[in-house]
Amino acid sequence: MTEESDLNGLSLLGKDAKPSKKLETFPNHHPDRRYIVRLESDEFTCLCPATGQPDFANITVEYIPKDKILESKSFKLYLWSYRNEGVFHEHVTNTILDDLVNALDPHWCRVTGSFNIRGGIYITVEAEHGHQEVSG
């Protein structure tokens, strides 16, 4: 069960929402079990670094936690923080992965950015860290 101490250090949950690069975590009560956590958002936006036009994407994060689990509101605010940033799809997908790995130190993590069509081309970027092995 969730313990009151699990809320220690969570500063964004239950507070006013503002874009933030701060990724918050809470303790994993099952660190010996390898299981997959999946988060998906179809509300991701950033800007084309050349034209300044908005790009829209579905961002999917999958990870096998060690000691920490990502708090979902902080992740939503983190994604929101890219709204006015000019960045290539490949760069932002890899940056999201790097930031998640730094915050979580997971056994495994994959970030998939499925970007809406631009110039007649859909772009999907997958960036991965570690090895995916779940217990059977």
Protein backbone atom coordinates (compact mmCIF):
# COMPACT_ATOMS: atom_id res chain seq x y z
CA MET A 1 0.00 0.00 0.00
CA THR A 2 0.98 3.61 -0.41
CA GLU A 3 2.57 4.97 2.73
CA GLU A 4 2.39 8.56 3.92
CA SER A 5 6.18 8.76 3.62
CA ASP A 6 5.85 8.04 -0.13
CA LEU A 7 4.61 11.62 -0.51
CA ASN A 8 7.81 13.09 1.00
CA GLY A 9 9.59 15.26 -1.53
CA LEU A 10 6.63 15.54 -3.93
CA SER A 11 6.20 19.27 -4.45
CA LEU A 12 4.12 19.35 -7.64
CA LEU A 13 1.31 16.90 -6.86
CA GLY A 14 -1.80 18.75 -5.69
CA LYS A 15 -0.34 22.16 -6.50
CA ASP A 16 -0.93 24.73 -9.27
CA ALA A 17 0.20 23.46 -12.65
CA LYS A 18 3.09 25.24 -14.38
CA PRO A 19 5.51 23.87 -16.96
CA SER A 20 8.58 22.41 -15.24
CA LYS A 21 11.64 20.30 -16.06
CA LYS A 22 11.48 18.79 -12.56
CA LEU A 23 10.75 15.05 -12.61
CA GLU A 24 9.57 13.79 -9.22
CA THR A 25 9.60 10.20 -8.02
CA PHE A 26 8.27 8.09 -5.19
CA PRO A 27 9.59 4.81 -3.73
CA ASN A 28 9.03 1.51 -5.49
CA HIS A 29 7.63 -0.94 -2.93
CA HIS A 30 8.43 -3.90 -5.22
CA PRO A 31 12.08 -3.35 -6.26
CA ASP A 32 12.73 -7.10 -6.55
CA ARG A 33 9.92 -7.57 -9.07
CA ARG A 34 10.64 -6.62 -12.68
CA TYR A 35 7.46 -5.07 -14.08
CA ILE A 36 6.77 -2.52 -16.79
CA VAL A 37 5.27 0.91 -16.16
CA ARG A 38 3.84 2.65 -19.24
CA LEU A 39 2.89 6.33 -19.52
CA GLU A 40 1.35 7.80 -22.66
CA SER A 41 0.47 11.33 -23.64
CA ASP A 42 -1.03 12.56 -26.90
CA GLU A 43 -0.72 16.19 -25.77
CA PHE A 44 3.01 16.74 -26.47
CA THR A 45 3.94 19.82 -28.46
CA CYS A 46 7.21 21.50 -29.34
CA LEU A 47 8.29 23.84 -32.11
CA CYS A 48 10.15 23.18 -35.34
CA PRO A 49 13.57 24.77 -34.75
CA ALA A 50 13.69 26.11 -38.32
CA THR A 51 10.15 27.42 -38.91
CA GLY A 52 8.80 27.87 -35.39
CA GLN A 53 5.66 25.97 -36.38
CA PRO A 54 4.19 23.62 -33.77
CA ASP A 55 4.86 19.91 -33.88
CA PHE A 56 2.49 17.48 -32.18
CA ALA A 57 3.33 14.02 -30.91
CA ASN A 58 2.26 11.05 -28.86
CA ILE A 59 4.98 10.33 -26.31
CA THR A 60 5.09 6.85 -24.78
CA VAL A 61 7.42 5.96 -21.92
CA GLU A 62 7.93 2.39 -20.79
CA TYR A 63 10.29 1.45 -17.99
CA ILE A 64 11.17 -1.26 -15.50
CA PRO A 65 11.72 0.53 -12.18
CA LYS A 66 14.44 -0.17 -9.64
CA ASP A 67 13.97 1.91 -6.51
CA LYS A 68 11.94 4.83 -7.90
CA ILE A 69 8.68 5.35 -9.78
CA LEU A 70 7.88 8.45 -11.81
CA GLU A 71 5.11 10.66 -10.42
CA SER A 72 2.76 11.25 -13.37
CA LYS A 73 1.82 14.90 -12.73
CA SER A 74 5.47 15.92 -12.73
CA PHE A 75 5.84 14.07 -16.04
CA LYS A 76 2.87 15.94 -17.51
CA LEU A 77 4.37 19.28 -16.46
CA TYR A 78 7.75 18.16 -17.81
CA LEU A 79 6.24 17.41 -21.24
CA TRP A 80 4.38 20.73 -21.12
CA SER A 81 7.71 22.54 -20.66
CA TYR A 82 8.66 21.74 -24.28
CA ARG A 83 5.66 23.60 -25.71
CA ASN A 84 7.66 26.70 -26.71
CA GLU A 85 11.03 25.05 -27.38
CA GLY A 86 12.43 24.63 -30.87
CA VAL A 87 13.83 21.12 -31.12
CA PHE A 88 14.23 18.30 -33.63
CA HIS A 89 12.18 15.16 -32.94
CA GLU A 90 15.25 12.96 -32.57
CA HIS A 91 16.85 15.32 -30.07
CA VAL A 92 13.81 15.78 -27.85
CA THR A 93 13.08 12.03 -27.70
CA ASN A 94 16.64 11.30 -26.60
CA THR A 95 16.64 14.19 -24.13
CA ILE A 96 13.44 12.88 -22.52
CA LEU A 97 15.09 9.45 -22.18
CA ASP A 98 18.23 10.97 -20.64
CA ASP A 99 16.20 12.98 -18.13
CA LEU A 100 14.11 9.94 -17.15
CA VAL A 101 17.19 7.75 -16.70
CA ASN A 102 18.79 10.46 -14.52
CA ALA A 103 15.65 10.76 -12.37
CA LEU A 104 14.76 7.07 -12.10
CA ASP A 105 17.90 4.96 -12.65
CA PRO A 106 15.61 2.23 -14.07
CA HIS A 107 16.57 -1.29 -15.10
CA TRP A 108 15.28 -0.42 -18.57
CA CYS A 109 13.54 2.52 -20.23
CA ARG A 110 12.23 3.26 -23.72
CA VAL A 111 10.79 6.55 -24.98
CA THR A 112 8.83 6.58 -28.22
CA GLY A 113 7.92 9.84 -29.92
CA SER A 114 5.31 9.40 -32.66
CA PHE A 115 5.15 12.77 -34.36
CA ASN A 116 2.24 13.91 -36.50
CA ILE A 117 2.74 14.24 -40.21
CA ARG A 118 4.87 17.11 -41.45
CA GLY A 119 5.74 17.52 -45.11
CA GLY A 120 3.93 14.28 -45.90
CA ILE A 121 6.16 12.24 -43.57
CA TYR A 122 5.38 10.69 -40.19
CA ILE A 123 8.39 10.48 -37.89
CA THR A 124 8.68 7.98 -35.05
CA VAL A 125 11.73 7.99 -32.81
CA GLU A 126 12.51 5.26 -30.26
CA ALA A 127 15.32 5.70 -27.75
CA GLU A 128 16.19 2.96 -25.27
CA HIS A 129 18.35 2.47 -22.18
CA GLY A 130 19.28 -0.84 -20.53
CA HIS A 131 17.78 -4.26 -21.18
CA GLN A 132 14.12 -5.27 -21.08
CA GLU A 133 13.79 -8.44 -19.05
CA VAL A 134 10.62 -8.95 -17.06
CA SER A 135 10.00 -11.85 -14.70
CA GLY A 136 7.66 -14.50 -15.96
